[in-house]
Protein backbone atom coordinates (compact mmCIF):
# COMPACT_ATOMS: atom_id res chain seq x y z
CA MET A 1 -34.49 -31.59 -64.26
CA GLU A 2 -36.60 -32.73 -61.07
CA LEU A 3 -38.06 -35.97 -63.28
CA ALA A 4 -34.32 -36.84 -64.21
CA GLU A 5 -33.69 -36.61 -60.21
CA ARG A 6 -36.40 -38.31 -59.05
CA VAL A 7 -35.98 -41.89 -61.57
CA SER A 8 -32.75 -41.88 -62.41
CA ALA A 9 -29.79 -43.38 -60.15
CA HIS A 10 -27.82 -40.80 -58.54
CA ASN A 11 -24.14 -41.61 -59.83
CA TYR A 12 -23.84 -37.85 -61.12
CA HIS A 13 -23.99 -34.54 -59.49
CA PRO A 14 -24.92 -32.47 -62.67
CA LEU A 15 -25.32 -28.49 -62.94
CA ALA A 16 -28.68 -27.29 -62.56
CA VAL A 17 -29.04 -27.00 -66.47
CA VAL A 18 -31.58 -28.37 -68.47
CA ALA A 19 -30.03 -28.56 -72.42
CA ARG A 20 -32.56 -28.79 -75.34
CA GLU A 21 -30.68 -28.05 -78.25
CA ALA A 22 -27.13 -26.89 -79.18
CA GLU A 23 -24.85 -26.51 -82.32
CA GLY A 24 -21.16 -25.54 -82.73
CA ALA A 25 -20.44 -24.76 -79.45
CA TRP A 26 -23.50 -23.01 -77.87
CA VAL A 27 -26.05 -24.85 -76.19
CA THR A 28 -29.26 -23.55 -75.00
CA ASP A 29 -31.11 -24.74 -72.40
CA VAL A 30 -35.47 -25.68 -72.38
CA ASP A 31 -35.50 -21.72 -70.84
CA GLY A 32 -34.20 -20.17 -74.17
CA LYS A 33 -30.56 -19.73 -72.51
CA ARG A 34 -27.44 -19.71 -73.81
CA TYR A 35 -24.23 -21.79 -73.02
CA LEU A 36 -20.98 -21.51 -73.90
CA ASP A 37 -20.03 -24.95 -73.48
CA ALA A 38 -16.40 -25.49 -72.29
CA LEU A 39 -16.56 -29.09 -71.69
CA ALA A 40 -17.38 -30.66 -74.89
CA ALA A 41 -18.74 -33.57 -73.13
CA TYR A 42 -15.36 -34.72 -71.82
CA SER A 43 -13.68 -33.94 -75.07
CA ALA A 44 -16.41 -36.22 -76.79
CA LEU A 45 -17.39 -33.20 -78.53
CA ASN A 46 -13.80 -31.98 -80.15
CA PHE A 47 -16.15 -31.22 -83.36
CA GLY A 48 -18.84 -28.94 -81.80
CA HIS A 49 -22.24 -30.02 -81.32
CA ARG A 50 -24.48 -31.22 -84.81
CA HIS A 51 -21.14 -30.98 -86.85
CA PRO A 52 -22.40 -30.55 -90.58
CA VAL A 53 -19.92 -33.27 -91.78
CA ILE A 54 -21.22 -35.65 -89.52
CA MET A 55 -24.70 -34.93 -89.09
CA ALA A 56 -25.02 -35.42 -92.80
CA ALA A 57 -23.27 -38.93 -92.62
CA ALA A 58 -24.98 -40.36 -89.70
CA ALA A 59 -28.73 -38.89 -91.76
CA HIS A 60 -27.51 -41.05 -94.61
CA GLN A 61 -26.40 -44.15 -92.76
CA LEU A 62 -29.51 -43.94 -90.78
CA GLU A 63 -31.77 -44.13 -93.73
CA ARG A 64 -29.99 -46.76 -94.97
CA LEU A 65 -28.75 -49.62 -92.22
CA THR A 66 -27.90 -49.41 -88.12
CA LEU A 67 -27.21 -52.51 -87.43
CA THR A 68 -26.11 -55.98 -88.70
CA SER A 69 -24.15 -57.40 -85.56
CA ARG A 70 -20.76 -58.58 -86.35
CA ALA A 71 -22.39 -62.19 -88.00
CA PHE A 72 -21.69 -60.34 -91.43
CA HIS A 73 -20.38 -57.64 -93.18
CA ASN A 74 -21.60 -54.74 -93.53
CA ASP A 75 -20.13 -52.08 -95.89
CA GLN A 76 -19.21 -49.40 -93.80
CA LEU A 77 -17.06 -50.81 -91.33
CA GLY A 78 -14.23 -52.08 -93.85
CA PRO A 79 -13.57 -48.15 -94.74
CA PHE A 80 -13.56 -46.63 -91.01
CA CYS A 81 -11.05 -49.83 -90.15
CA ALA A 82 -9.43 -49.01 -93.10
CA GLY A 83 -9.07 -44.83 -92.67
CA LEU A 84 -8.93 -45.30 -88.70
CA ALA A 85 -5.93 -47.26 -88.90
CA THR A 86 -4.00 -45.08 -92.12
CA LEU A 87 -4.83 -42.31 -89.29
CA ALA A 88 -2.59 -44.36 -86.98
CA GLY A 89 0.04 -45.76 -88.86
CA LYS A 90 -0.90 -49.22 -87.75
CA ASP A 91 -2.41 -52.11 -89.80
CA ARG A 92 -5.58 -52.99 -87.55
CA VAL A 93 -8.37 -51.62 -85.80
CA LEU A 94 -10.82 -53.45 -83.05
CA PRO A 95 -13.94 -51.34 -82.85
CA MET A 96 -15.66 -51.61 -79.74
CA ASN A 97 -18.43 -48.70 -78.03
CA THR A 98 -17.57 -47.02 -75.26
CA GLY A 99 -14.34 -45.60 -73.96
CA ALA A 100 -14.25 -48.53 -70.67
CA GLU A 101 -14.95 -51.11 -73.32
CA ALA A 102 -11.89 -50.06 -75.05
CA VAL A 103 -9.67 -49.85 -72.30
CA GLU A 104 -10.54 -52.96 -71.14
CA THR A 105 -10.57 -54.92 -74.66
CA ALA A 106 -6.93 -53.73 -74.69
CA LEU A 107 -5.94 -55.14 -71.38
CA LYS A 108 -6.90 -58.47 -72.58
CA LEU A 109 -5.03 -58.12 -75.69
CA ALA A 110 -1.95 -57.03 -73.96
CA ARG A 111 -2.85 -60.25 -71.73
CA ARG A 112 -3.38 -62.89 -74.40
CA TRP A 113 -0.14 -61.18 -76.28
CA GLY A 114 1.48 -61.92 -73.42
CA TYR A 115 0.55 -65.61 -72.99
CA ASP A 116 0.96 -66.44 -76.66
CA VAL A 117 3.90 -64.41 -77.99
CA LYS A 118 6.04 -63.03 -75.06
CA GLY A 119 5.69 -66.32 -73.14
CA VAL A 120 4.50 -65.52 -69.76
CA PRO A 121 3.15 -68.26 -67.21
CA GLU A 122 -0.36 -68.44 -67.61
CA ASN A 123 -2.35 -66.40 -65.24
CA GLU A 124 1.28 -64.51 -64.31
CA ALA A 125 0.61 -62.01 -66.55
CA ARG A 126 1.75 -58.07 -65.14
CA ILE A 127 0.14 -54.64 -66.16
CA VAL A 128 1.62 -51.27 -64.46
CA VAL A 129 -0.54 -48.64 -64.02
CA MET A 130 -0.09 -45.09 -63.29
CA SER A 131 -1.24 -42.99 -60.29
CA GLY A 132 -4.14 -40.71 -60.53
CA ASN A 133 -5.35 -42.75 -63.92
CA PHE A 134 -9.18 -42.92 -64.86
CA HIS A 135 -9.15 -45.06 -67.53
CA GLY A 136 -13.21 -45.64 -66.72
CA ARG A 137 -15.23 -47.61 -64.09
CA THR A 138 -15.87 -51.06 -64.92
CA THR A 139 -14.98 -53.94 -62.45
CA THR A 140 -11.61 -54.44 -63.69
CA ILE A 141 -10.54 -50.98 -64.67
CA ILE A 142 -11.16 -49.63 -60.40
CA SER A 143 -9.45 -52.28 -59.10
CA PHE A 144 -6.44 -50.42 -59.90
CA SER A 145 -7.97 -46.82 -59.43
CA ASP A 146 -6.18 -45.22 -56.69
CA ASP A 147 -9.53 -42.64 -56.22
CA PRO A 148 -11.71 -44.24 -53.04
CA VAL A 149 -15.02 -42.55 -54.35
CA ALA A 150 -14.72 -45.03 -57.54
CA ARG A 151 -13.55 -48.13 -55.44
CA ARG A 152 -15.90 -48.28 -52.23
CA GLY A 153 -17.72 -51.16 -52.19
CA PHE A 154 -17.08 -52.49 -55.27
CA GLY A 155 -14.38 -55.48 -54.37
CA PRO A 156 -13.14 -57.54 -54.13
CA PHE A 157 -10.91 -56.19 -57.17
CA THR A 158 -8.78 -57.89 -60.15
CA PRO A 159 -5.70 -58.89 -59.63
CA GLY A 160 -2.44 -58.62 -61.62
CA PHE A 161 -1.66 -54.49 -61.60
CA ASP A 162 1.21 -52.83 -60.62
CA THR A 163 0.71 -48.54 -59.78
CA VAL A 164 3.84 -46.31 -60.00
CA PRO A 165 3.68 -42.53 -59.76
CA TYR A 166 2.68 -41.16 -63.35
CA GLY A 167 5.56 -38.81 -64.70
CA ASP A 168 8.45 -41.31 -62.97
CA ALA A 169 10.36 -43.14 -65.41
CA ALA A 170 12.66 -44.56 -62.99
CA ALA A 171 9.84 -45.63 -60.78
CA LEU A 172 8.25 -47.53 -63.77
CA GLU A 173 11.71 -49.36 -64.71
CA ALA A 174 11.71 -51.24 -61.59
CA ALA A 175 8.03 -52.26 -61.92
CA ILE A 176 8.73 -53.74 -64.65
CA THR A 177 9.35 -57.78 -64.26
CA PRO A 178 9.63 -60.65 -66.99
CA ASN A 179 6.05 -61.23 -66.37
CA THR A 180 5.63 -57.73 -67.16
CA VAL A 181 3.40 -57.59 -70.28
CA ALA A 182 2.00 -53.31 -70.92
CA VAL A 183 2.52 -49.97 -69.54
CA LEU A 184 -0.75 -48.60 -69.69
CA VAL A 185 -0.56 -44.41 -69.44
CA GLU A 186 -2.53 -41.51 -70.29
CA PRO A 187 -0.20 -39.28 -72.00
CA VAL A 188 -2.22 -36.51 -70.30
CA GLN A 189 -4.17 -37.41 -67.33
CA GLY A 190 -7.79 -35.85 -67.54
CA GLU A 191 -9.95 -36.58 -65.20
CA ALA A 192 -7.03 -35.70 -62.74
CA GLY A 193 -7.06 -32.50 -63.73
CA ILE A 194 -5.08 -32.23 -66.92
CA ILE A 195 -1.91 -33.46 -65.75
CA ILE A 196 0.68 -33.33 -68.25
CA PRO A 197 4.29 -35.41 -67.65
CA PRO A 198 7.92 -34.44 -67.78
CA ALA A 199 9.16 -33.38 -70.95
CA GLY A 200 10.19 -36.86 -72.00
CA TYR A 201 8.76 -38.66 -70.16
CA LEU A 202 6.76 -40.72 -72.57
CA GLU A 203 10.06 -41.27 -74.83
CA ALA A 204 11.20 -42.95 -71.79
CA VAL A 205 8.08 -45.18 -71.73
CA ARG A 206 8.77 -45.82 -75.09
CA ARG A 207 12.42 -46.77 -74.52
CA LEU A 208 11.41 -49.02 -71.04
CA CYS A 209 8.99 -51.00 -73.14
CA THR A 210 10.93 -51.43 -76.31
CA GLU A 211 13.91 -52.83 -73.83
CA HIS A 212 11.69 -55.31 -72.11
CA GLU A 213 9.39 -56.27 -74.55
CA VAL A 214 6.37 -55.13 -73.06
CA LEU A 215 3.12 -53.19 -74.85
CA PHE A 216 3.19 -49.30 -74.46
CA LEU A 217 -0.98 -49.03 -74.48
CA ALA A 218 -1.52 -45.29 -75.01
CA ASP A 219 -5.39 -44.01 -73.51
CA GLU A 220 -5.77 -41.59 -75.74
CA ILE A 221 -9.74 -41.79 -75.59
CA GLN A 222 -9.71 -38.03 -73.58
CA SER A 223 -6.54 -36.51 -74.93
CA GLY A 224 -6.56 -37.63 -78.99
CA LEU A 225 -8.28 -36.83 -81.79
CA GLY A 226 -7.09 -33.19 -82.17
CA ARG A 227 -7.68 -32.11 -78.48
CA CYS A 228 -3.77 -31.42 -77.79
CA GLY A 229 -3.02 -29.85 -80.76
CA ALA A 230 -2.15 -33.15 -82.85
CA THR A 231 -4.03 -35.88 -83.98
CA PHE A 232 -2.45 -37.58 -81.21
CA ALA A 233 -1.31 -36.80 -77.56
CA CYS A 234 1.77 -39.01 -78.03
CA ASP A 235 2.65 -36.85 -81.43
CA VAL A 236 3.41 -33.90 -78.96
CA GLU A 237 6.11 -36.10 -77.77
CA GLU A 238 6.77 -37.90 -81.09
CA VAL A 239 6.28 -41.25 -79.47
CA ARG A 240 4.48 -43.98 -80.95
CA PRO A 241 2.91 -45.92 -78.49
CA ASP A 242 2.59 -50.07 -79.51
CA VAL A 243 -1.39 -49.91 -79.11
CA TYR A 244 -3.76 -46.46 -79.21
CA ILE A 245 -6.84 -46.81 -76.98
CA LEU A 246 -9.53 -44.48 -78.87
CA GLY A 247 -12.82 -43.06 -77.91
CA LYS A 248 -15.46 -40.34 -77.07
CA ALA A 249 -14.41 -37.90 -80.20
CA LEU A 250 -14.22 -41.24 -82.37
CA GLY A 251 -18.15 -40.89 -82.46
CA GLY A 252 -18.60 -37.07 -83.68
CA GLY A 253 -20.95 -36.51 -80.37
CA VAL A 254 -23.53 -38.69 -82.01
CA VAL A 255 -22.96 -42.49 -80.97
CA PRO A 256 -20.74 -44.28 -78.63
CA VAL A 257 -17.81 -45.25 -80.69
CA SER A 258 -14.06 -46.69 -79.40
CA ALA A 259 -11.68 -48.66 -81.07
CA VAL A 260 -8.02 -50.25 -80.18
CA VAL A 261 -5.64 -49.55 -82.79
CA ALA A 262 -2.43 -52.31 -83.12
CA ASP A 263 -0.09 -53.86 -85.43
CA ASP A 264 -0.99 -57.30 -87.09
CA ASP A 265 1.84 -58.99 -84.49
CA ILE A 266 -0.06 -57.49 -81.72
CA MET A 267 -3.78 -57.62 -82.83
CA SER A 268 -3.18 -61.12 -84.28
CA VAL A 269 -3.98 -63.14 -81.07
CA ILE A 270 -7.35 -61.64 -80.92
CA THR A 271 -9.37 -64.88 -82.29
CA PRO A 272 -12.92 -65.83 -83.51
CA GLY A 273 -15.16 -65.85 -80.54
CA SER A 274 -12.26 -64.33 -78.35
CA HIS A 275 -13.84 -61.20 -77.98
CA GLY A 276 -16.85 -59.47 -79.64
CA SER A 277 -19.40 -56.70 -79.27
CA THR A 278 -23.16 -56.77 -80.59
CA PHE A 279 -22.73 -53.22 -81.49
CA GLY A 280 -19.08 -52.57 -81.95
CA GLY A 281 -18.82 -51.71 -85.61
CA ASN A 282 -22.11 -51.47 -86.23
CA PRO A 283 -22.46 -49.64 -89.65
CA LEU A 284 -24.31 -46.46 -87.58
CA ALA A 285 -21.51 -45.90 -86.13
CA ALA A 286 -18.61 -46.87 -88.94
CA ALA A 287 -20.37 -44.24 -90.71
CA VAL A 288 -19.52 -41.54 -88.24
CA GLY A 289 -15.90 -42.58 -87.20
CA LEU A 290 -15.36 -42.72 -90.38
CA ALA A 291 -16.67 -38.96 -90.94
CA VAL A 292 -14.33 -38.06 -88.19
CA VAL A 293 -11.27 -39.32 -89.60
CA GLY A 294 -11.82 -37.48 -92.54
CA LEU A 295 -12.15 -34.32 -90.12
CA LEU A 296 -8.84 -35.11 -88.93
CA GLU A 297 -7.54 -35.68 -91.81
CA THR A 298 -7.49 -32.24 -93.28
CA GLY A 299 -5.33 -31.32 -90.23
CA GLU A 300 -7.65 -28.26 -89.83
CA TYR A 301 -8.43 -29.41 -86.15
CA GLN A 302 -5.21 -29.75 -85.03
CA GLU A 303 -3.99 -26.62 -85.67
CA ARG A 304 -7.21 -24.66 -84.32
CA ALA A 305 -5.90 -26.42 -81.02
CA ARG A 306 -2.92 -25.40 -81.23
CA VAL A 307 -3.47 -21.45 -82.09
CA LEU A 308 -6.38 -21.52 -80.15
CA GLY A 309 -4.51 -23.66 -76.80
CA GLU A 310 -1.99 -20.79 -76.76
CA GLN A 311 -4.76 -18.13 -76.99
CA LEU A 312 -5.88 -19.47 -73.99
CA ARG A 313 -2.85 -20.48 -72.15
CA GLU A 314 -2.26 -16.46 -72.39
CA ARG A 315 -5.56 -15.73 -71.04
CA LEU A 316 -5.42 -18.41 -68.00
CA GLU A 317 -1.66 -17.53 -66.87
CA PRO A 318 -2.14 -14.41 -65.33
CA LEU A 319 -4.13 -15.63 -63.24
CA ILE A 320 -2.13 -17.46 -61.06
CA GLY A 321 -2.13 -15.48 -57.77
CA HIS A 322 -5.91 -14.04 -58.28
CA GLY A 323 -7.71 -16.80 -57.45
CA LEU A 324 -5.78 -19.62 -58.82
CA THR A 325 -2.97 -21.70 -58.34
CA ALA A 326 -2.03 -23.34 -60.74
CA VAL A 327 -2.18 -23.39 -64.60
CA ARG A 328 -1.76 -26.54 -66.86
CA THR A 329 -2.61 -26.65 -70.37
CA ARG A 330 -1.63 -29.06 -73.74
CA GLY A 331 -3.63 -28.05 -76.80
CA LEU A 332 -6.88 -26.66 -76.11
CA TRP A 333 -7.06 -28.31 -72.80
CA ALA A 334 -6.15 -26.33 -69.46
CA GLY A 335 -6.65 -27.23 -65.96
CA VAL A 336 -6.64 -24.65 -63.11
CA ASP A 337 -6.32 -25.06 -59.44
CA LEU A 338 -8.46 -22.76 -57.42
CA ASP A 339 -7.30 -20.87 -54.52
CA PRO A 340 -8.80 -23.41 -52.11
CA SER A 341 -9.50 -20.05 -49.43
CA LEU A 342 -11.19 -18.53 -52.20
CA MET A 343 -13.73 -21.38 -53.38
CA SER A 344 -14.16 -24.97 -54.26
CA GLY A 345 -14.03 -26.02 -57.93
CA ARG A 346 -17.90 -26.68 -57.68
CA GLN A 347 -18.78 -23.30 -57.26
CA ALA A 348 -16.79 -22.44 -59.76
CA ALA A 349 -18.57 -24.39 -62.08
CA GLU A 350 -21.98 -23.09 -60.66
CA GLY A 351 -20.82 -19.89 -61.21
CA LEU A 352 -19.98 -20.11 -64.57
CA ALA A 353 -23.02 -21.65 -65.00
CA GLU A 354 -24.81 -18.65 -63.92
CA ARG A 355 -23.10 -16.61 -66.68
CA GLY A 356 -23.34 -18.65 -69.19
CA VAL A 357 -20.31 -20.86 -69.50
CA LEU A 358 -20.40 -24.53 -68.74
CA CYS A 359 -17.50 -26.15 -67.35
CA LYS A 360 -17.15 -28.72 -64.17
CA GLU A 361 -14.91 -29.20 -61.62
CA THR A 362 -13.09 -32.19 -61.01
CA HIS A 363 -11.03 -33.33 -57.59
CA ASP A 364 -12.77 -31.01 -55.63
CA GLN A 365 -10.74 -27.57 -56.23
CA THR A 366 -9.53 -28.23 -60.60
CA LEU A 367 -11.62 -26.67 -63.31
CA ARG A 368 -11.14 -28.34 -66.61
CA PHE A 369 -11.39 -26.57 -69.70
CA ALA A 370 -12.14 -27.83 -72.91
CA PRO A 371 -14.15 -26.23 -75.62
CA PRO A 372 -14.93 -27.78 -78.60
CA LEU A 373 -12.35 -27.53 -81.10
CA VAL A 374 -14.74 -25.58 -83.35
CA ILE A 375 -15.50 -22.51 -80.67
CA GLU A 376 -14.08 -18.62 -82.11
CA ALA A 377 -11.50 -16.84 -80.73
CA SER A 378 -13.78 -14.31 -79.62
CA ASP A 379 -15.80 -17.07 -77.83
CA LEU A 380 -12.54 -18.17 -75.77
CA ASP A 381 -12.02 -15.01 -74.60
CA LEU A 382 -15.41 -14.66 -73.70
CA MET A 383 -15.15 -18.11 -71.66
CA VAL A 384 -12.27 -16.41 -69.54
CA ASP A 385 -13.79 -13.31 -68.94
CA ARG A 386 -16.67 -14.83 -67.32
CA PHE A 387 -14.58 -17.27 -65.18
CA ALA A 388 -12.34 -14.12 -64.29
CA GLU A 389 -15.86 -12.44 -63.10
CA VAL A 390 -16.36 -15.81 -61.15
CA LEU A 391 -13.00 -15.21 -59.40
CA ARG A 392 -13.24 -11.69 -58.32
CA ALA A 393 -16.76 -12.01 -56.96
């Protein structure tokens, strides 16, 4: 830990835990202490640490072929793209690596679609985004963030974005102009603290995008792939976006894998040389991604998120008024607001770590619980019991 603090950039403020190995929902540190993982790498570990199906796919591929670039084909890319497209009910997949890359890809896709298909004048495209959003930390993405920590010292910022309040359909409708090409929205805002939009909001987004010939871009990087009790978070509201933006759990906790998924009438605007990635769609990533798709096809993990999520909600809600001011859940995902007179989110996370549970705060007074979907019901109770101990302490 001391070495990392001395030689790595201080762009994170990690807890004082040094992990050495992990399996399922449990992590062991360098001293042999075991911790229950209640964060799952911000949903990148939806299927737990070292899931045997994912590890087997990775090990098999490591022995055969890891990288070709996209200069020519590899035998894993086609099956992965076909499987993911079928899972999403779309025609085509554009594979990338990180979530931020996938968001950037979707923004480029929407702009070019706006010019080539909708007929927006060149360089006049607008994209509507939401207050409280988090889509990554590239220069373009922080240009439409309202987080001062993410923005300070990194201007000038990229133009072309209009921000409206999250969950406000009337404000969204008022912001759409003839030059609007897309609406970018998180079905559930993760970094903001598991903020769930009002019932019917996503349906209104879908209706408005259809009426005004605007693309609905759903950033499901944290919320998708089983986390919310459905394959996609939009499924919970029975809404289908034009474009899915996926990442984190798509890499199975092994390699970074992200993707933009859309139909031919949208994806066809991307042509050779207009976008790319040396590592995007590499055979190792594709093999791992295909294994993840296979796990989701069974529906087992979506059901676990639904059932265990209900258990989590039932255990957390009684803590309101006893250290918590609010609880928000969607599937196996919870944001809890701490009474500021009691402790900060950081203090709560440190208290949990001392008691063998790994969690992380966001925005000072909120904790996020996002354990792997493979967690046992008894371990979920243990997690909440330890959290209640922290609040009482």
